[in-house]
Amino acid sequence: MEPAFLTPLTTRPGPGSAGRSGAPGSPGRPARPYPGRWDTRELLRFELARHLERERFPAKRRALVRELLARRAPDQLVQALRALPPDELFRDVPDVVSALLDDAPG
């Protein structure tokens, strides 16, 4: 089961999808950037990488949250990062993903 903060990132209704059952972007269908199966870790890594520049690392939670807010990242992503330990230093996006998913209630 996906952590709650990922649900809005992985499904979204798409405009013009009414009347086409199973169309990508329709309610309840995964909104994936590329075809194929992606797991939760890959989706989260993709979303974080879209909003965080490599130059921002290593960084603590506060700097990462500020970067997400400046880049208008989804609220669910910002809230997820706010739940991370404030003094932990993250080396890169995969390090953030591990911290989020390894501590997520299952």
N, C-alpha and C. Protein backbone atom coordinates (compact mmCIF):
# COMPACT_ATOMS: atom_id res chain seq x y z
N MET A 1 0.84 -1.19 0.00
CA MET A 1 0.00 0.00 0.00
C MET A 1 0.88 1.24 0.00
N GLU A 2 0.49 2.26 -0.77
CA GLU A 2 1.25 3.48 -0.87
C GLU A 2 1.06 4.33 0.38
N PRO A 3 2.11 5.06 0.80
CA PRO A 3 1.94 6.01 1.88
C PRO A 3 0.90 7.05 1.47
N ALA A 4 0.16 7.58 2.44
CA ALA A 4 -0.92 8.51 2.16
C ALA A 4 -0.47 9.75 1.39
N PHE A 5 0.75 10.22 1.63
CA PHE A 5 1.18 11.44 0.96
C PHE A 5 1.43 11.24 -0.53
N LEU A 6 1.47 9.99 -1.00
CA LEU A 6 1.69 9.74 -2.43
C LEU A 6 0.41 9.64 -3.22
N THR A 7 -0.70 9.37 -2.59
CA THR A 7 -1.95 9.13 -3.30
C THR A 7 -2.31 10.26 -4.27
N PRO A 8 -2.29 11.53 -3.84
CA PRO A 8 -2.63 12.58 -4.79
C PRO A 8 -1.61 12.73 -5.91
N LEU A 9 -0.39 12.25 -5.73
CA LEU A 9 0.63 12.37 -6.77
C LEU A 9 0.48 11.29 -7.83
N THR A 10 -0.13 10.18 -7.50
CA THR A 10 -0.18 9.06 -8.43
C THR A 10 -1.50 8.94 -9.16
N THR A 11 -2.52 9.66 -8.72
CA THR A 11 -3.80 9.63 -9.43
C THR A 11 -4.33 11.04 -9.54
N ARG A 12 -4.91 11.34 -10.68
CA ARG A 12 -5.53 12.64 -10.86
C ARG A 12 -6.51 12.57 -12.02
N PRO A 13 -7.61 13.29 -11.91
CA PRO A 13 -8.52 13.34 -13.05
C PRO A 13 -7.94 14.21 -14.14
N GLY A 14 -8.14 13.81 -15.35
CA GLY A 14 -7.61 14.59 -16.47
C GLY A 14 -8.72 15.27 -17.24
N PRO A 15 -8.47 16.46 -17.76
CA PRO A 15 -9.49 17.14 -18.56
C PRO A 15 -9.75 16.36 -19.84
N GLY A 16 -10.98 16.29 -20.23
CA GLY A 16 -11.33 15.61 -21.47
C GLY A 16 -11.34 14.10 -21.37
N SER A 17 -11.26 13.57 -20.15
CA SER A 17 -11.25 12.11 -20.03
C SER A 17 -12.64 11.54 -19.82
N ALA A 18 -13.66 12.40 -19.73
CA ALA A 18 -15.02 11.92 -19.52
C ALA A 18 -15.47 11.12 -20.74
N GLY A 19 -16.11 10.00 -20.47
CA GLY A 19 -16.65 9.17 -21.53
C GLY A 19 -15.65 8.17 -22.09
N ARG A 20 -14.42 8.24 -21.68
CA ARG A 20 -13.42 7.27 -22.14
C ARG A 20 -12.99 6.45 -20.94
N SER A 21 -13.52 5.28 -20.81
CA SER A 21 -13.18 4.47 -19.64
C SER A 21 -11.75 3.99 -19.74
N GLY A 22 -11.04 4.09 -18.63
CA GLY A 22 -9.67 3.60 -18.57
C GLY A 22 -8.65 4.50 -19.25
N ALA A 23 -9.04 5.70 -19.62
CA ALA A 23 -8.11 6.61 -20.28
C ALA A 23 -7.06 7.08 -19.28
N PRO A 24 -5.81 7.19 -19.72
CA PRO A 24 -4.79 7.73 -18.82
C PRO A 24 -5.20 9.10 -18.33
N GLY A 25 -5.02 9.34 -17.05
CA GLY A 25 -5.40 10.61 -16.46
C GLY A 25 -6.83 10.64 -15.97
N SER A 26 -7.61 9.57 -16.22
CA SER A 26 -8.97 9.53 -15.71
C SER A 26 -8.93 9.22 -14.22
N PRO A 27 -10.00 9.55 -13.49
CA PRO A 27 -9.99 9.33 -12.05
C PRO A 27 -9.63 7.89 -11.68
N GLY A 28 -8.72 7.76 -10.74
CA GLY A 28 -8.32 6.45 -10.27
C GLY A 28 -7.23 5.79 -11.09
N ARG A 29 -6.86 6.38 -12.22
CA ARG A 29 -5.81 5.81 -13.06
C ARG A 29 -4.49 6.49 -12.73
N PRO A 30 -3.40 5.75 -12.72
CA PRO A 30 -2.10 6.35 -12.44
C PRO A 30 -1.74 7.42 -13.47
N ALA A 31 -1.21 8.54 -12.99
CA ALA A 31 -0.73 9.60 -13.86
C ALA A 31 0.78 9.45 -13.95
N ARG A 32 1.23 8.60 -14.83
CA ARG A 32 2.65 8.27 -14.93
C ARG A 32 3.29 9.06 -16.06
N PRO A 33 4.51 9.55 -15.84
CA PRO A 33 5.17 10.31 -16.88
C PRO A 33 5.67 9.44 -18.04
N TYR A 34 5.88 8.17 -17.81
CA TYR A 34 6.36 7.25 -18.83
C TYR A 34 5.54 5.97 -18.75
N PRO A 35 5.37 5.27 -19.86
CA PRO A 35 4.61 4.01 -19.81
C PRO A 35 5.36 2.94 -19.01
N GLY A 36 4.62 1.96 -18.55
CA GLY A 36 5.23 0.87 -17.81
C GLY A 36 4.88 0.94 -16.33
N ARG A 37 5.37 -0.03 -15.59
CA ARG A 37 5.07 -0.09 -14.15
C ARG A 37 6.12 0.67 -13.37
N TRP A 38 5.66 1.49 -12.48
CA TRP A 38 6.54 2.21 -11.57
C TRP A 38 6.12 1.85 -10.16
N ASP A 39 7.08 1.68 -9.28
CA ASP A 39 6.70 1.43 -7.90
C ASP A 39 6.71 2.75 -7.13
N THR A 40 6.28 2.69 -5.90
CA THR A 40 6.16 3.88 -5.05
C THR A 40 7.48 4.63 -4.94
N ARG A 41 8.57 3.91 -4.75
CA ARG A 41 9.88 4.55 -4.61
C ARG A 41 10.25 5.34 -5.87
N GLU A 42 9.99 4.77 -7.03
CA GLU A 42 10.31 5.45 -8.29
C GLU A 42 9.46 6.69 -8.49
N LEU A 43 8.17 6.59 -8.17
CA LEU A 43 7.27 7.74 -8.31
C LEU A 43 7.70 8.89 -7.40
N LEU A 44 8.03 8.57 -6.17
CA LEU A 44 8.44 9.60 -5.23
C LEU A 44 9.77 10.22 -5.67
N ARG A 45 10.70 9.40 -6.09
CA ARG A 45 12.00 9.91 -6.56
C ARG A 45 11.79 10.83 -7.76
N PHE A 46 10.92 10.45 -8.67
CA PHE A 46 10.64 11.27 -9.85
C PHE A 46 10.06 12.62 -9.43
N GLU A 47 9.06 12.61 -8.56
CA GLU A 47 8.43 13.86 -8.13
C GLU A 47 9.41 14.77 -7.41
N LEU A 48 10.23 14.22 -6.53
CA LEU A 48 11.21 15.04 -5.82
C LEU A 48 12.25 15.60 -6.78
N ALA A 49 12.71 14.79 -7.71
CA ALA A 49 13.73 15.24 -8.65
C ALA A 49 13.19 16.34 -9.57
N ARG A 50 11.91 16.35 -9.82
CA ARG A 50 11.31 17.41 -10.63
C ARG A 50 11.39 18.77 -9.94
N HIS A 51 11.40 18.76 -8.61
CA HIS A 51 11.31 20.01 -7.85
C HIS A 51 12.58 20.39 -7.10
N LEU A 52 13.52 19.48 -6.97
CA LEU A 52 14.75 19.77 -6.22
C LEU A 52 15.96 19.69 -7.15
N GLU A 53 16.76 20.72 -7.16
CA GLU A 53 17.97 20.72 -7.98
C GLU A 53 19.10 19.99 -7.26
N ARG A 54 19.96 19.36 -8.02
CA ARG A 54 21.10 18.64 -7.44
C ARG A 54 21.99 19.55 -6.62
N GLU A 55 22.10 20.80 -7.05
CA GLU A 55 22.97 21.75 -6.37
C GLU A 55 22.52 22.04 -4.95
N ARG A 56 21.29 21.71 -4.62
CA ARG A 56 20.76 21.97 -3.27
C ARG A 56 21.27 20.97 -2.24
N PHE A 57 21.89 19.92 -2.69
CA PHE A 57 22.37 18.87 -1.79
C PHE A 57 23.85 19.01 -1.54
N PRO A 58 24.32 18.57 -0.37
CA PRO A 58 23.56 18.08 0.79
C PRO A 58 22.76 19.21 1.43
N ALA A 59 21.64 18.83 2.03
CA ALA A 59 20.74 19.82 2.62
C ALA A 59 19.96 19.23 3.77
N LYS A 60 19.54 20.12 4.65
CA LYS A 60 18.65 19.73 5.75
C LYS A 60 17.21 19.95 5.32
N ARG A 61 16.31 19.47 6.15
CA ARG A 61 14.88 19.53 5.85
C ARG A 61 14.41 20.94 5.51
N ARG A 62 14.82 21.92 6.28
CA ARG A 62 14.34 23.29 6.09
C ARG A 62 14.66 23.81 4.69
N ALA A 63 15.88 23.57 4.22
CA ALA A 63 16.28 24.03 2.89
C ALA A 63 15.49 23.33 1.79
N LEU A 64 15.25 22.03 2.00
CA LEU A 64 14.49 21.28 0.99
C LEU A 64 13.04 21.74 0.93
N VAL A 65 12.44 21.99 2.07
CA VAL A 65 11.06 22.47 2.11
C VAL A 65 10.96 23.84 1.44
N ARG A 66 11.92 24.72 1.73
CA ARG A 66 11.92 26.04 1.08
C ARG A 66 12.02 25.92 -0.44
N GLU A 67 12.86 25.01 -0.90
CA GLU A 67 13.02 24.80 -2.34
C GLU A 67 11.71 24.28 -2.96
N LEU A 68 11.07 23.34 -2.29
CA LEU A 68 9.78 22.83 -2.79
C LEU A 68 8.74 23.93 -2.85
N LEU A 69 8.68 24.76 -1.83
CA LEU A 69 7.71 25.86 -1.82
C LEU A 69 8.01 26.87 -2.93
N ALA A 70 9.28 27.18 -3.13
CA ALA A 70 9.67 28.14 -4.18
C ALA A 70 9.32 27.62 -5.57
N ARG A 71 9.37 26.30 -5.73
CA ARG A 71 9.08 25.71 -7.04
C ARG A 71 7.63 25.26 -7.17
N ARG A 72 6.82 25.63 -6.20
CA ARG A 72 5.38 25.32 -6.22
C ARG A 72 5.11 23.83 -6.34
N ALA A 73 5.81 23.06 -5.54
CA ALA A 73 5.61 21.61 -5.52
C ALA A 73 4.25 21.29 -4.88
N PRO A 74 3.71 20.12 -5.15
CA PRO A 74 2.42 19.74 -4.55
C PRO A 74 2.48 19.80 -3.02
N ASP A 75 1.39 20.26 -2.42
CA ASP A 75 1.33 20.39 -0.96
C ASP A 75 1.64 19.08 -0.25
N GLN A 76 1.20 17.95 -0.82
CA GLN A 76 1.43 16.66 -0.19
C GLN A 76 2.92 16.35 -0.09
N LEU A 77 3.67 16.76 -1.08
CA LEU A 77 5.11 16.55 -1.08
C LEU A 77 5.78 17.42 -0.02
N VAL A 78 5.35 18.67 0.07
CA VAL A 78 5.90 19.59 1.07
C VAL A 78 5.60 19.08 2.47
N GLN A 79 4.37 18.65 2.70
CA GLN A 79 3.99 18.14 4.02
C GLN A 79 4.79 16.89 4.37
N ALA A 80 5.04 16.04 3.41
CA ALA A 80 5.82 14.83 3.67
C ALA A 80 7.24 15.19 4.12
N LEU A 81 7.86 16.15 3.45
CA LEU A 81 9.22 16.55 3.84
C LEU A 81 9.25 17.25 5.18
N ARG A 82 8.19 17.96 5.51
CA ARG A 82 8.12 18.63 6.82
C ARG A 82 8.12 17.62 7.96
N ALA A 83 7.75 16.38 7.68
CA ALA A 83 7.71 15.34 8.72
C ALA A 83 9.08 14.71 8.96
N LEU A 84 10.06 15.05 8.14
CA LEU A 84 11.41 14.49 8.31
C LEU A 84 12.11 15.13 9.51
N PRO A 85 13.11 14.45 10.06
CA PRO A 85 13.87 15.02 11.18
C PRO A 85 14.55 16.33 10.77
N PRO A 86 14.45 17.37 11.57
CA PRO A 86 14.96 18.69 11.18
C PRO A 86 16.48 18.78 11.06
N ASP A 87 17.22 18.00 11.81
CA ASP A 87 18.68 18.13 11.81
C ASP A 87 19.40 17.11 10.94
N GLU A 88 18.66 16.23 10.30
CA GLU A 88 19.30 15.23 9.45
C GLU A 88 19.77 15.88 8.15
N LEU A 89 20.97 15.50 7.71
CA LEU A 89 21.53 16.02 6.46
C LEU A 89 21.30 14.99 5.36
N PHE A 90 20.63 15.40 4.30
CA PHE A 90 20.31 14.50 3.19
C PHE A 90 21.30 14.74 2.06
N ARG A 91 21.88 13.66 1.56
CA ARG A 91 22.92 13.74 0.52
C ARG A 91 22.36 13.98 -0.87
N ASP A 92 21.17 13.39 -1.15
CA ASP A 92 20.60 13.48 -2.49
C ASP A 92 19.13 13.05 -2.44
N VAL A 93 18.47 13.06 -3.59
CA VAL A 93 17.05 12.69 -3.65
C VAL A 93 16.81 11.26 -3.16
N PRO A 94 17.60 10.27 -3.60
CA PRO A 94 17.36 8.91 -3.08
C PRO A 94 17.47 8.83 -1.55
N ASP A 95 18.32 9.64 -0.96
CA ASP A 95 18.44 9.67 0.49
C ASP A 95 17.15 10.19 1.14
N VAL A 96 16.53 11.20 0.53
CA VAL A 96 15.26 11.73 1.02
C VAL A 96 14.16 10.69 0.85
N VAL A 97 14.14 10.03 -0.29
CA VAL A 97 13.13 8.99 -0.55
C VAL A 97 13.23 7.88 0.49
N SER A 98 14.44 7.45 0.77
CA SER A 98 14.62 6.39 1.79
C SER A 98 14.12 6.84 3.14
N ALA A 99 14.41 8.07 3.51
CA ALA A 99 13.96 8.59 4.80
C ALA A 99 12.43 8.64 4.87
N LEU A 100 11.79 9.01 3.77
CA LEU A 100 10.33 9.11 3.75
C LEU A 100 9.67 7.73 3.77
N LEU A 101 10.15 6.82 2.95
CA LEU A 101 9.48 5.53 2.80
C LEU A 101 9.87 4.53 3.89
N ASP A 102 11.09 4.59 4.38
CA ASP A 102 11.50 3.64 5.41
C ASP A 102 10.82 3.94 6.73
N ASP A 103 10.39 5.18 6.92
CA ASP A 103 9.71 5.56 8.16
C ASP A 103 8.20 5.65 8.00
N ALA A 104 7.70 5.42 6.77
CA ALA A 104 6.27 5.53 6.51
C ALA A 104 5.51 4.37 7.14
N PRO A 105 4.35 4.66 7.75
CA PRO A 105 3.55 3.55 8.29
C PRO A 105 3.05 2.68 7.15
N GLY A 106 3.15 1.38 7.33
CA GLY A 106 2.84 0.48 6.25
C GLY A 106 1.50 -0.05 6.24
